[in-house]
Protein backbone atom coordinates (compact mmCIF):
# COMPACT_ATOMS: atom_id res chain seq x y z
CA MET A 1 -149.78 15.02 21.60
CA THR A 2 -152.48 16.54 20.05
CA HIS A 3 -156.30 15.20 20.44
CA LYS A 4 -158.09 16.70 17.60
CA LYS A 5 -160.62 14.75 16.44
CA ARG A 6 -161.82 11.22 18.12
CA PHE A 7 -163.58 8.34 16.21
CA SER A 8 -165.84 5.84 18.49
CA GLY A 9 -167.99 2.90 17.25
CA LEU A 10 -171.62 4.32 16.84
CA ALA A 11 -177.71 -3.94 14.60
CA HIS A 12 -184.02 -13.80 12.27
CA GLY A 13 -182.64 -14.18 9.39
CA SER A 14 -180.50 -16.47 7.49
CA TRP A 15 -176.95 -16.67 8.57
CA LEU A 16 -173.63 -17.62 7.16
CA LEU A 17 -170.37 -18.70 8.17
CA VAL A 18 -167.27 -17.37 6.34
CA ALA A 19 -163.79 -19.03 7.06
CA VAL A 20 -161.47 -16.37 7.87
CA LEU A 21 -157.41 -16.35 6.97
CA SER A 22 -156.58 -15.38 10.39
CA LEU A 23 -152.80 -12.91 10.79
CA ILE A 24 -151.21 -11.88 14.01
CA VAL A 25 -149.63 -8.63 14.54
CA PRO A 26 -146.51 -8.96 17.09
CA ALA A 27 -147.32 -6.28 19.55
CA SER A 28 -143.76 -5.84 20.24
CA ALA A 29 -142.69 -4.79 16.74
CA GLU A 30 -144.65 -1.48 15.88
CA TRP A 31 -147.69 -0.78 18.49
CA LYS A 32 -146.68 0.40 21.64
CA GLU A 33 -148.65 0.56 24.71
CA LYS A 34 -148.60 2.71 27.77
CA VAL A 35 -150.98 3.11 31.07
CA LEU A 36 -152.07 6.43 31.10
CA TYR A 37 -153.22 5.95 35.10
CA SER A 38 -153.57 3.50 37.94
CA PHE A 39 -156.45 3.37 39.44
CA GLN A 40 -155.56 2.94 43.55
CA GLY A 41 -159.15 2.12 44.96
CA GLY A 42 -159.80 3.33 48.37
CA THR A 43 -161.91 5.96 49.70
CA ASN A 44 -159.73 8.31 48.09
CA ASP A 45 -159.61 7.28 44.38
CA GLY A 46 -161.29 5.04 41.66
CA ALA A 47 -161.26 1.43 41.08
CA VAL A 48 -162.78 -1.05 38.15
CA PRO A 49 -163.36 1.32 35.28
CA ALA A 50 -167.03 0.49 34.69
CA GLY A 51 -166.96 1.64 30.71
CA GLY A 52 -164.06 2.96 28.51
CA VAL A 53 -163.11 7.03 28.47
CA VAL A 54 -164.15 9.91 25.99
CA PHE A 55 -162.74 12.88 24.87
CA ASP A 56 -163.10 16.19 25.68
CA ASN A 57 -162.39 19.21 22.98
CA GLN A 58 -159.34 19.80 25.21
CA GLY A 59 -158.04 16.29 24.89
CA ASN A 60 -159.33 15.35 28.30
CA LEU A 61 -160.33 11.99 28.77
CA TYR A 62 -163.09 11.14 30.96
CA GLY A 63 -164.95 7.88 32.39
CA ALA A 64 -166.56 6.20 35.61
CA THR A 65 -165.31 3.67 37.84
CA THR A 66 -167.70 0.95 39.77
CA GLY A 67 -165.74 1.10 42.73
CA GLY A 68 -163.61 3.48 45.00
CA GLY A 69 -164.88 6.65 46.73
CA PRO A 70 -167.83 5.74 48.57
CA ALA A 71 -169.85 4.28 45.72
CA GLY A 72 -167.74 4.99 42.70
CA THR A 73 -166.53 7.67 40.92
CA VAL A 74 -166.10 9.95 37.60
CA PHE A 75 -162.83 10.69 36.92
CA GLN A 76 -161.31 13.23 34.46
CA LEU A 77 -157.27 12.46 33.51
CA ARG A 78 -155.47 15.46 31.44
CA PRO A 79 -152.80 14.97 29.14
CA PRO A 80 -149.46 15.89 30.17
CA ALA A 81 -148.24 19.59 29.22
CA GLN A 82 -144.41 18.36 28.41
CA ASN A 83 -143.91 14.81 26.93
CA GLY A 84 -142.63 12.53 29.74
CA ASP A 85 -144.72 14.18 32.31
CA PRO A 86 -148.01 11.72 33.54
CA TRP A 87 -151.27 12.15 32.97
CA THR A 88 -153.30 13.86 35.97
CA GLU A 89 -156.12 12.49 37.21
CA THR A 90 -159.06 14.08 38.99
CA LEU A 91 -161.98 12.41 40.86
CA ILE A 92 -164.88 15.37 39.59
CA TYR A 93 -167.91 13.30 41.43
CA GLN A 94 -167.92 10.51 43.91
CA PHE A 95 -171.20 8.88 44.32
CA GLN A 96 -172.83 8.77 47.94
CA GLY A 97 -175.03 5.20 47.55
CA GLU A 98 -176.80 4.17 50.13
CA GLY A 99 -178.64 6.41 52.28
CA SER A 100 -178.31 9.57 50.57
CA LYS A 101 -181.20 8.99 47.30
CA ASP A 102 -177.37 9.77 45.17
CA GLY A 103 -176.86 6.63 42.59
CA SER A 104 -174.72 4.17 43.54
CA ALA A 105 -172.14 1.87 41.44
CA PRO A 106 -171.97 3.45 38.01
CA ASN A 107 -172.30 0.19 35.15
CA GLY A 108 -171.42 1.98 32.13
CA GLY A 109 -169.06 4.21 30.39
CA LEU A 110 -169.86 7.93 29.56
CA ILE A 111 -170.90 9.94 26.73
CA ILE A 112 -170.31 14.19 26.10
CA ASP A 113 -172.55 16.44 24.43
CA ALA A 114 -171.27 19.90 22.84
CA ALA A 115 -170.99 21.66 26.14
CA GLY A 116 -168.98 19.25 27.88
CA ASN A 117 -171.51 18.08 30.01
CA LEU A 118 -171.06 14.10 30.84
CA TYR A 119 -174.02 11.84 30.98
CA GLY A 120 -174.22 8.03 32.05
CA VAL A 121 -176.31 5.13 34.46
CA THR A 122 -175.95 3.85 38.02
CA ALA A 123 -176.56 -0.04 38.83
CA TYR A 124 -178.19 0.97 41.56
CA GLY A 125 -178.62 3.58 43.94
CA GLY A 126 -181.83 6.45 43.47
CA ALA A 127 -184.90 6.64 45.39
CA GLY A 128 -186.49 3.34 43.82
CA ASP A 129 -187.56 0.68 46.41
CA CYS A 130 -185.64 -1.92 44.54
CA LEU A 131 -184.34 -4.86 46.54
CA LEU A 132 -181.60 -7.03 46.38
CA LEU A 133 -181.11 -9.87 48.92
CA GLY A 134 -183.90 -8.42 51.04
CA ALA A 135 -182.13 -5.12 51.11
CA LYS A 136 -183.20 -2.05 49.76
CA VAL A 137 -180.33 -1.03 46.75
CA GLY A 138 -182.29 1.16 44.76
CA CYS A 139 -183.38 0.65 40.73
CA GLY A 140 -180.42 2.71 39.20
CA THR A 141 -180.02 6.51 37.77
CA VAL A 142 -179.15 8.25 35.17
CA TYR A 143 -177.03 10.79 36.08
CA GLN A 144 -175.79 14.04 34.26
CA ILE A 145 -172.09 15.71 35.41
CA SER A 146 -171.51 19.37 34.29
CA PRO A 147 -168.73 21.03 34.21
CA PRO A 148 -168.00 24.26 36.46
CA LYS A 149 -169.07 27.63 35.10
CA GLN A 150 -165.43 29.05 36.80
CA LYS A 151 -161.79 27.28 36.26
CA GLY A 152 -160.95 25.44 39.36
CA GLY A 153 -164.86 25.27 40.24
CA ALA A 154 -166.34 21.91 41.17
CA TRP A 155 -168.75 19.98 38.96
CA THR A 156 -172.43 19.54 39.60
CA ARG A 157 -173.86 15.98 39.52
CA THR A 158 -177.99 15.92 38.47
CA ILE A 159 -179.81 12.87 38.79
CA LEU A 160 -182.07 13.17 35.64
CA TYR A 161 -183.97 9.90 36.14
CA SER A 162 -184.17 7.93 39.47
CA PHE A 163 -186.19 4.31 38.35
CA PRO A 164 -188.65 4.33 40.99
CA THR A 165 -189.48 0.86 40.84
CA ALA A 166 -188.29 -2.95 38.96
CA LYS A 167 -191.34 -2.08 36.61
CA GLN A 168 -189.78 0.64 34.93
CA GLY A 169 -186.37 -1.02 35.10
CA TYR A 170 -183.69 -2.34 37.33
CA LEU A 171 -180.04 -2.16 36.72
CA PRO A 172 -179.07 0.14 34.06
CA ASN A 173 -176.17 -0.92 31.76
CA GLY A 174 -173.72 0.36 29.43
CA ASN A 175 -173.67 3.57 27.42
CA LEU A 176 -176.69 5.66 26.68
CA VAL A 177 -177.01 7.56 23.37
CA PHE A 178 -178.92 10.38 21.85
CA ASP A 179 -180.96 11.34 19.69
CA SER A 180 -180.64 14.38 17.14
CA ALA A 181 -183.88 15.60 19.53
CA GLY A 182 -181.78 15.88 22.38
CA ASN A 183 -183.51 12.19 23.95
CA LEU A 184 -181.21 9.68 25.70
CA TYR A 185 -181.64 5.98 25.05
CA GLY A 186 -180.18 3.03 27.51
CA ALA A 187 -181.21 -0.60 28.87
CA THR A 188 -181.52 -2.17 31.51
CA VAL A 189 -180.25 -5.65 32.40
CA PHE A 190 -183.54 -6.58 34.45
CA GLY A 191 -187.39 -4.88 35.18
CA GLY A 192 -189.97 -4.52 33.46
CA THR A 193 -193.39 -6.12 33.48
CA ARG A 194 -192.62 -9.26 31.30
CA GLY A 195 -190.52 -12.59 31.58
CA THR A 196 -190.39 -15.05 34.04
CA THR A 197 -186.91 -16.87 32.72
CA CYS A 198 -184.42 -14.26 34.61
CA ASP A 199 -182.43 -13.97 37.43
CA ASN A 200 -184.67 -13.94 40.83
CA PHE A 201 -182.40 -12.23 42.84
CA TYR A 202 -183.43 -8.94 40.73
CA GLY A 203 -187.26 -9.81 40.34
CA GLY A 204 -187.17 -12.40 37.17
CA GLN A 205 -188.25 -9.62 34.72
CA CYS A 206 -186.11 -9.79 31.65
CA GLY A 207 -185.07 -6.14 30.97
CA VAL A 208 -186.34 -2.73 29.30
CA ILE A 209 -184.99 -0.50 26.59
CA PHE A 210 -186.23 3.02 27.27
CA GLU A 211 -185.94 6.47 26.14
CA LEU A 212 -185.67 10.20 28.75
CA SER A 213 -186.83 12.96 26.92
CA PRO A 214 -185.62 16.22 28.52
CA PRO A 215 -187.96 18.60 29.98
CA LYS A 216 -189.79 21.47 27.62
CA GLN A 217 -188.84 24.28 30.67
CA LYS A 218 -185.82 24.52 31.92
CA GLY A 219 -185.81 22.96 34.97
CA GLY A 220 -188.39 20.87 34.94
CA LYS A 221 -187.87 16.82 35.11
CA TRP A 222 -186.57 14.50 32.45
CA THR A 223 -189.93 11.81 31.33
CA GLU A 224 -188.95 7.89 30.84
CA LYS A 225 -191.29 6.18 28.37
CA LEU A 226 -190.71 2.78 28.15
CA LEU A 227 -189.91 1.35 24.56
CA TYR A 228 -189.77 -2.42 24.90
CA GLU A 229 -190.25 -4.65 27.93
CA PHE A 230 -188.29 -7.88 27.07
CA ALA A 231 -189.73 -11.17 27.84
CA GLY A 232 -187.61 -14.02 27.67
CA VAL A 233 -187.79 -17.31 26.49
CA GLU A 234 -188.92 -20.57 28.20
CA ALA A 235 -186.38 -23.72 28.54
CA GLY A 236 -186.11 -26.10 25.46
CA HIS A 237 -187.86 -23.68 23.26
CA SER A 238 -186.19 -23.11 19.92
CA PHE A 239 -187.39 -19.26 19.04
CA GLY A 240 -187.94 -16.76 21.90
CA ASP A 241 -187.53 -13.19 23.18
CA GLY A 242 -184.38 -11.28 24.05
CA ALA A 243 -183.51 -11.17 27.59
CA SER A 244 -180.98 -8.95 29.38
CA PRO A 245 -180.08 -6.10 26.95
CA ASN A 246 -176.69 -4.66 26.97
CA GLY A 247 -177.05 -0.83 26.77
CA GLY A 248 -174.73 0.21 23.86
CA LEU A 249 -177.44 0.93 21.41
CA VAL A 250 -177.16 2.58 18.10
CA LEU A 251 -180.02 4.94 16.35
CA ASP A 252 -180.13 4.70 12.19
CA GLY A 253 -181.02 7.83 9.78
CA LYS A 254 -184.62 7.10 10.72
CA GLY A 255 -184.61 6.60 14.37
CA LEU A 256 -184.63 2.94 14.36
CA VAL A 257 -182.92 1.82 17.58
CA TYR A 258 -180.67 -1.67 17.17
CA GLY A 259 -179.07 -3.49 20.34
CA THR A 260 -178.03 -7.01 21.80
CA THR A 261 -179.43 -9.27 24.38
CA TYR A 262 -177.03 -11.53 26.08
CA TYR A 263 -179.92 -13.66 27.04
CA GLY A 264 -183.08 -15.27 25.14
CA GLY A 265 -184.06 -16.82 21.55
CA ASN A 266 -182.41 -20.15 21.16
CA ASN A 267 -182.96 -22.25 24.24
CA VAL A 268 -182.54 -25.86 23.45
CA LYS A 269 -181.28 -27.84 25.47
CA GLY A 270 -177.06 -28.50 24.72
CA GLU A 271 -177.60 -25.76 22.64
CA CYS A 272 -178.27 -22.16 24.50
CA GLN A 273 -180.11 -24.01 27.20
CA GLY A 274 -178.12 -23.01 30.94
CA GLY A 275 -177.01 -20.05 32.72
CA THR A 276 -176.47 -18.56 36.19
CA ALA A 277 -178.99 -15.26 35.51
CA GLY A 278 -180.83 -16.43 32.40
CA THR A 279 -180.83 -18.60 29.48
CA GLY A 280 -180.71 -18.62 25.42
CA CYS A 281 -178.04 -17.43 23.60
CA GLY A 282 -179.16 -14.13 22.56
CA ILE A 283 -180.58 -12.11 19.59
CA VAL A 284 -179.74 -8.81 17.93
CA PHE A 285 -183.14 -6.96 17.72
CA GLU A 286 -184.54 -3.70 15.94
CA LEU A 287 -186.85 -1.56 17.60
CA THR A 288 -189.12 0.69 15.12
CA PRO A 289 -190.86 3.78 15.98
CA PRO A 290 -194.65 4.07 15.89
CA SER A 291 -196.06 5.51 12.70
CA GLN A 292 -198.72 7.71 14.76
CA LYS A 293 -197.86 9.92 18.26
CA GLY A 294 -198.59 8.00 21.29
CA GLY A 295 -198.62 4.46 19.27
CA LYS A 296 -196.09 1.30 20.26
CA TRP A 297 -192.59 0.72 19.21
CA THR A 298 -192.36 -2.35 17.10
CA LYS A 299 -189.70 -5.05 18.20
CA LYS A 300 -188.36 -7.02 15.37
CA VAL A 301 -185.51 -9.87 16.13
CA LEU A 302 -182.72 -9.53 12.90
CA HIS A 303 -181.24 -12.60 14.03
CA GLN A 304 -180.89 -15.52 16.89
CA PHE A 305 -177.39 -16.66 17.93
CA ASP A 306 -177.65 -20.49 18.20
CA GLY A 307 -174.02 -20.96 19.97
CA ARG A 308 -172.37 -22.28 16.63
CA ASP A 309 -172.64 -18.69 15.29
CA GLY A 310 -171.77 -17.11 18.32
CA ALA A 311 -173.52 -16.59 21.95
CA ASN A 312 -173.83 -14.11 24.58
CA SER A 313 -173.53 -10.82 23.30
CA SER A 314 -172.45 -8.70 25.99
CA ALA A 315 -171.79 -5.81 24.25
CA GLY A 316 -173.34 -2.87 21.88
CA LEU A 317 -173.67 -2.70 18.13
CA ALA A 318 -171.54 -0.34 15.21
CA PHE A 319 -172.72 0.68 11.80
CA ASN A 320 -170.45 1.05 8.94
CA GLY A 321 -171.43 3.07 5.87
CA ASN A 322 -173.49 0.63 4.14
CA GLY A 323 -175.89 0.37 7.09
CA ASN A 324 -174.32 -3.12 8.17
CA VAL A 325 -174.02 -3.80 11.89
CA PHE A 326 -171.00 -5.00 13.52
CA GLY A 327 -171.17 -6.69 16.95
CA THR A 328 -168.96 -9.22 19.26
CA THR A 329 -170.42 -12.25 21.06
CA PHE A 330 -168.24 -13.35 24.69
CA ALA A 331 -169.11 -17.13 24.02
CA GLY A 332 -169.18 -19.26 20.87
CA PRO A 333 -168.55 -22.48 18.73
CA ASN A 334 -165.89 -23.02 21.12
CA GLY A 335 -166.21 -21.72 23.93
CA SER A 336 -163.94 -18.42 23.38
CA GLY A 337 -166.30 -15.93 21.26
CA LEU A 338 -166.44 -13.98 17.82
CA VAL A 339 -166.80 -11.04 15.85
CA PHE A 340 -169.82 -11.10 13.63
CA GLU A 341 -170.88 -8.72 10.84
CA LEU A 342 -175.09 -8.25 10.02
CA ARG A 343 -175.80 -7.41 6.64
CA LYS A 344 -178.97 -5.78 5.84
CA PRO A 345 -181.04 -6.74 3.62
CA SER A 346 -181.15 -6.43 -0.20
CA THR A 347 -183.76 -6.90 -3.22
CA ARG A 348 -182.54 -10.85 -3.70
CA VAL A 349 -182.07 -11.43 0.62
CA HIS A 350 -185.00 -10.30 2.63
CA SER A 351 -183.70 -11.23 5.74
CA TRP A 352 -180.41 -10.19 7.47
CA THR A 353 -177.56 -12.38 6.70
CA GLU A 354 -174.61 -12.74 9.71
CA ILE A 355 -171.10 -13.52 8.75
CA VAL A 356 -168.51 -14.39 11.17
CA LEU A 357 -165.41 -12.34 10.91
CA HIS A 358 -163.35 -14.15 13.06
CA VAL A 359 -163.40 -16.77 16.15
CA PHE A 360 -161.14 -16.50 18.72
CA SER A 361 -159.30 -19.69 19.58
CA ASP A 362 -158.40 -19.02 23.01
CA GLY A 363 -155.11 -19.06 22.16
CA ASN A 364 -152.58 -15.89 21.28
CA ASP A 365 -155.62 -14.44 19.80
CA GLY A 366 -157.65 -14.24 22.38
CA ALA A 367 -160.88 -14.93 23.95
CA GLY A 368 -163.95 -13.68 25.62
CA PRO A 369 -164.68 -10.23 23.94
CA ALA A 370 -166.94 -8.70 26.47
CA ALA A 371 -166.85 -4.83 24.59
CA GLY A 372 -168.08 -3.92 20.86
CA VAL A 373 -166.31 -2.92 18.20
CA ILE A 374 -165.33 0.49 16.54
CA PHE A 375 -164.26 1.61 13.39
CA ASP A 376 -161.70 4.09 11.87
CA PRO A 377 -162.07 6.26 8.93
CA SER A 378 -160.50 3.11 6.61
CA GLY A 379 -163.19 0.89 7.66
CA ASP A 380 -160.96 -0.90 10.13
CA LEU A 381 -162.41 -2.80 13.20
CA TYR A 382 -160.58 -2.45 16.48
CA GLY A 383 -161.90 -4.07 19.85
CA THR A 384 -160.58 -6.41 22.58
CA THR A 385 -160.51 -9.60 24.48
CA ALA A 386 -161.04 -10.05 28.38
CA THR A 387 -158.55 -12.78 28.26
CA ALA A 388 -155.69 -13.86 26.29
CA THR A 389 -152.81 -16.39 26.19
CA ASN A 390 -154.80 -20.10 27.49
CA ARG A 391 -157.13 -17.79 29.65
CA SER A 392 -154.50 -15.92 31.34
CA ALA A 393 -156.57 -13.07 32.04
CA GLN A 394 -154.59 -10.33 30.45
CA GLY A 395 -156.19 -9.52 27.21
CA ASN A 396 -155.50 -8.23 24.18
CA VAL A 397 -156.49 -5.05 21.88
CA PHE A 398 -157.22 -6.41 18.00
CA ARG A 399 -157.79 -4.85 14.89
CA ILE A 400 -159.67 -6.62 11.91
CA ARG A 401 -159.03 -5.10 8.36
CA PRO A 402 -161.85 -5.41 5.41
CA PRO A 403 -160.93 -7.37 2.57
CA ALA A 404 -160.15 -5.52 -0.78
CA ARG A 405 -162.62 -7.45 -2.74
CA ARG A 406 -166.33 -8.48 -1.61
CA SER A 407 -165.28 -12.18 -1.82
CA GLY A 408 -162.19 -11.67 0.01
CA SER A 409 -161.50 -12.52 3.42
CA TRP A 410 -161.21 -10.09 6.62
CA THR A 411 -157.67 -10.11 7.95
CA PHE A 412 -157.50 -10.45 11.71
CA GLY A 413 -154.18 -9.10 13.83
CA VAL A 414 -153.32 -8.57 17.49
CA LEU A 415 -152.05 -5.06 18.58
CA TYR A 416 -151.19 -5.50 21.78
CA THR A 417 -151.31 -8.20 24.89
CA PHE A 418 -151.62 -6.97 27.95
CA THR A 419 -148.66 -8.09 30.50
CA GLY A 420 -150.61 -8.07 34.13
CA ASN A 421 -149.19 -5.52 37.01
CA PRO A 422 -148.18 -3.16 36.51
CA ASP A 423 -149.68 -3.39 32.89
CA GLY A 424 -153.10 -3.79 32.67
CA ALA A 425 -155.60 -6.89 32.16
CA GLN A 426 -158.80 -7.61 31.30
CA PRO A 427 -159.82 -4.74 29.24
CA SER A 428 -164.06 -5.58 28.87
CA SER A 429 -164.78 -1.67 27.38
CA PRO A 430 -165.27 -0.07 24.31
CA LEU A 431 -162.66 1.72 22.55
CA VAL A 432 -161.80 5.30 21.44
CA LEU A 433 -159.32 6.50 18.70
CA ASP A 434 -157.63 9.73 18.00
CA GLN A 435 -156.96 11.38 14.78
CA SER A 436 -153.61 9.57 15.02
CA GLY A 437 -154.68 6.32 14.95
CA ASN A 438 -153.76 5.89 18.56
CA ILE A 439 -156.27 3.81 21.06
CA TYR A 440 -157.79 4.10 24.03
CA GLY A 441 -159.90 2.27 26.72
CA THR A 442 -159.54 0.74 30.26
CA THR A 443 -159.12 -2.27 31.91
CA MET A 444 -161.22 -3.70 34.90
CA ASP A 445 -157.63 -5.21 36.32
CA GLY A 446 -153.91 -4.44 36.58
CA GLY A 447 -152.25 -1.24 37.46
CA THR A 448 -150.45 -0.53 40.30
CA GLY A 449 -153.08 0.17 42.53
CA THR A 450 -153.45 -1.90 45.98
CA GLY A 451 -156.41 -0.17 47.64
CA CYS A 452 -158.90 -2.95 46.41
CA GLY A 453 -158.56 -5.66 48.56
CA TYR A 454 -158.79 -8.33 46.18
CA GLY A 455 -156.23 -7.17 43.46
CA ALA A 456 -155.42 -4.60 41.30
CA CYS A 457 -157.90 -1.59 40.80
CA GLY A 458 -157.68 -1.60 36.65
CA THR A 459 -156.15 1.24 33.91
CA VAL A 460 -156.66 3.92 31.41
CA PHE A 461 -154.77 2.72 28.40
CA GLU A 462 -152.84 4.09 25.13
CA VAL A 463 -151.76 2.09 22.30
CA LEU A 464 -149.63 3.94 20.01
CA ALA A 465 -150.14 3.39 16.72
CA PRO A 466 -146.90 3.01 14.58
CA ALA A 467 -146.01 5.89 12.18
CA GLY A 468 -148.20 5.48 9.13
CA CYS A 469 -151.05 4.35 11.49
CA GLY A 470 -150.58 0.74 11.63
CA ASN A 471 -148.69 -0.41 8.48
CA ALA A 472 -147.32 -2.96 10.38
CA GLN A 473 -146.21 -6.12 8.52
CA LEU A 474 -148.04 -9.16 9.51
CA ALA A 475 -147.01 -12.29 10.25
CA GLU A 476 -149.35 -15.01 8.91
CA TRP A 477 -150.76 -18.26 10.62
CA GLU A 478 -153.36 -20.59 10.89
CA LEU A 479 -156.17 -21.22 13.26
CA ASN A 480 -156.89 -25.16 13.91
């Protein structure tokens, strides 16, 4: 198996619901799934992958687990030397957690730079003074894992930034992203200084978008800057700010930052009011850098979900070549979530326009997409649902193909349905594709692991593309 090149998904106006013709791919007909690794949990292995996986230029896969070890792990999976051999897992770092000022509970996937350094976030830990239920748990960290200088040596963990108080951000989440100057951008679910409608367990503030700038001299400190602090929305209000940003930010060529929030926006009773950690259906936002050095970033709401057109996006966004953005919402008009596109303004339409590409039915097509979508070079979209087949907690991998004509409908197909132990279950993280069109990701549940105490410990999986990269014959069916 070769891995020469990877492809991954790199966002208040009028909205439009478009009826789509839904198609299903028989999972067993062409696409085949393989569990590359089952996490075993306990003190010697990871448990519950926190995000997706990334490739290095040697074809190795890397990711993080929220559990396992003292306080979560970072792992490497090496491909087999010969066909039929298993992939080999190595824990390249185990977080030490409470009392160590190390990070705790990695809460997002990894990104990788040209030198092979890995970057991610932990939800807790670090030197910060944040409390949870009266206990000091730390406010979270941004970390770097660097490869050994000599083969067989140990990887090195560096804490790039430890959130000192909740005012700078609390509970970083999702994947980071680099800009061309080497700055890192990310989000924290809580913290900041604005908002009183968010979860009081975490201080009530509604989250921040942050930038980390590398030191000007080797050995110096990375510097954090808050680009925006969310304020949330009061109960009963139909318009408001976002709350609890999800991470997985994307940047355009002009340095604008795009993302989603799980809560905020519309908070009208009967539509979006209510929730365990905040209220509102969530928003899609844009942050514009200041025109002069030292100025403030400007936030703009590109779209505000109202329940009928989606609710509670729990993942980031993806751009296509035309500058339109694509994403998912965990809930929607029937509670099962959807896939959406936001088309950027044109000379005739001055606001971003939402188009619903697929509404999940909680049937064979799945429900509850907890991760975003990615594009392949042909413009097809790929994603996952956390559950499938009437909420049996197994999950699907799906593909949506664009119409041949602008006025046509996108075509939805299920490529694979997870079956649970010893297979994976509950995929909830971003996917990545290799050059052959094979799909890689993680599941939070399933596998053969028994060291988690509450069930299986999750997997890393591959879904193999058929010959011709997915030219399977589709069987037509109609949603009710």
